[in-house]
Amino acid sequence: MAETCLFCNIIAGIVPATLIYQDEHVVTFNDLHPQSPQHKLIIPRQHIATLNDIKAEDTWLVGHLLKTAQHLAEQLAIAEAGYRVVMNCNRAGGQMVYHLHLHLLGGRDLSWPPG
């Protein structure tokens, strides 16, 4: 599965993307179909297909994804005004790429409910 995964191919440099932030565990880039002025995707380098596939030993990674979102919100100057972090799971939940990822959205007032 990981060999055909779009996000794994971005991580490997096979599919081009302008990385906004990266460390040894995550990479971040702009969403191709932004839903707000700031819409970043934060993905782990480790292939995990969905939220349902997280194992106990992966919980630190989920925390790192959230900490990365916090860091980016500060860097993008949206932290104080507010932002949203979304993780979709499976088709009915809106997941389109089966590689765990967070959406960081901000830069405008975000309404509720979201979908």
Protein backbone atom coordinates (compact mmCIF):
# COMPACT_ATOMS: atom_id res chain seq x y z
CA MET A 1 0.00 0.00 0.00
CA ALA A 2 2.73 2.49 0.93
CA GLU A 3 4.34 2.12 -2.52
CA THR A 4 1.23 3.55 -4.20
CA CYS A 5 0.43 6.14 -1.52
CA LEU A 6 0.49 9.73 -2.77
CA PHE A 7 1.82 11.06 0.54
CA CYS A 8 4.52 8.38 0.76
CA ASN A 9 5.58 9.40 -2.75
CA ILE A 10 5.74 13.05 -1.68
CA ILE A 11 7.89 12.08 1.31
CA ALA A 12 10.16 10.04 -0.98
CA GLY A 13 10.51 12.97 -3.42
CA ILE A 14 8.84 11.06 -6.25
CA VAL A 15 5.89 13.47 -6.37
CA PRO A 16 6.96 17.12 -6.07
CA ALA A 17 5.67 19.30 -3.25
CA THR A 18 6.97 22.44 -1.63
CA LEU A 19 7.59 21.42 1.96
CA ILE A 20 6.78 24.16 4.46
CA TYR A 21 8.12 22.33 7.49
CA GLN A 22 9.75 18.99 8.07
CA ASP A 23 11.54 17.08 10.78
CA GLU A 24 12.50 13.46 11.24
CA HIS A 25 8.86 12.45 11.89
CA VAL A 26 6.59 14.76 9.83
CA VAL A 27 6.38 16.82 6.66
CA THR A 28 4.03 19.72 5.95
CA PHE A 29 2.86 21.26 2.69
CA ASN A 30 -0.04 23.28 1.26
CA ASP A 31 -3.31 21.50 0.51
CA LEU A 32 -3.97 21.43 -3.25
CA HIS A 33 -7.60 22.42 -2.66
CA PRO A 34 -7.42 24.95 0.18
CA GLN A 35 -10.55 25.58 2.23
CA SER A 36 -9.13 28.63 4.01
CA PRO A 37 -6.33 31.15 3.43
CA GLN A 38 -4.01 28.91 5.44
CA HIS A 39 -4.62 25.21 4.73
CA LYS A 40 -1.65 22.97 5.44
CA LEU A 41 -1.38 19.20 5.53
CA ILE A 42 0.74 17.66 8.27
CA ILE A 43 1.66 14.06 7.56
CA PRO A 44 3.81 11.54 9.38
CA ARG A 45 6.73 10.02 7.51
CA GLN A 46 5.52 6.65 8.80
CA HIS A 47 2.70 5.22 6.67
CA ILE A 48 -0.43 4.71 8.77
CA ALA A 49 -3.52 4.44 6.58
CA THR A 50 -6.25 5.80 8.88
CA LEU A 51 -6.96 6.93 12.40
CA ASN A 52 -8.35 3.41 12.97
CA ASP A 53 -4.90 1.96 12.24
CA ILE A 54 -3.04 3.81 15.00
CA LYS A 55 -1.43 1.41 17.45
CA ALA A 56 -0.58 2.13 21.09
CA GLU A 57 3.07 2.65 20.14
CA ASP A 58 2.01 5.35 17.63
CA THR A 59 0.30 7.63 20.16
CA TRP A 60 3.45 9.76 20.59
CA LEU A 61 3.36 10.40 16.82
CA VAL A 62 -0.21 11.70 16.97
CA GLY A 63 0.88 14.04 19.75
CA HIS A 64 3.78 15.18 17.58
CA LEU A 65 1.39 15.90 14.69
CA LEU A 66 -0.67 18.12 17.01
CA LYS A 67 2.40 19.85 18.42
CA THR A 68 3.53 20.51 14.83
CA ALA A 69 0.12 22.05 14.07
CA GLN A 70 0.53 24.33 17.09
CA HIS A 71 4.02 25.34 15.98
CA LEU A 72 2.87 26.07 12.41
CA ALA A 73 -0.13 28.09 13.62
CA GLU A 74 2.28 30.28 15.55
CA GLN A 75 4.62 30.60 12.55
CA LEU A 76 1.71 31.47 10.24
CA ALA A 77 0.42 34.08 12.74
CA ILE A 78 -2.99 32.40 13.08
CA ALA A 79 -2.56 30.98 16.58
CA GLU A 80 -3.92 33.95 18.50
CA ALA A 81 -6.97 34.52 16.26
CA GLY A 82 -7.72 30.79 16.14
CA TYR A 83 -7.44 27.83 13.82
CA ARG A 84 -8.88 24.38 13.24
CA VAL A 85 -7.18 21.00 13.13
CA VAL A 86 -9.08 18.22 11.32
CA MET A 87 -8.32 14.54 10.85
CA ASN A 88 -10.71 12.66 8.56
CA CYS A 89 -11.13 8.90 8.80
CA ASN A 90 -12.30 6.68 5.94
CA ARG A 91 -14.59 7.54 3.04
CA ALA A 92 -17.69 8.65 4.95
CA GLY A 93 -15.45 10.80 7.16
CA GLY A 94 -14.04 12.61 4.12
CA GLN A 95 -10.63 10.92 3.91
CA MET A 96 -9.34 11.00 0.34
CA VAL A 97 -5.72 9.91 0.78
CA TYR A 98 -5.23 6.84 2.94
CA HIS A 99 -2.20 8.09 4.83
CA LEU A 100 -2.88 9.60 8.25
CA HIS A 101 -2.76 13.41 8.11
CA LEU A 102 -3.96 16.56 9.81
CA HIS A 103 -5.48 19.56 8.10
CA LEU A 104 -4.45 22.86 9.66
CA LEU A 105 -6.94 25.57 8.65
CA GLY A 106 -6.97 29.24 9.54
CA GLY A 107 -6.67 32.78 8.34
CA ARG A 108 -10.42 33.46 8.40
CA ASP A 109 -13.39 32.85 10.68
CA LEU A 110 -14.37 29.19 10.40
CA SER A 111 -18.05 28.35 10.68
CA TRP A 112 -19.70 25.40 12.43
CA PRO A 113 -20.79 22.79 11.57
CA PRO A 114 -17.90 22.21 9.17
CA GLY A 115 -19.53 19.86 6.68
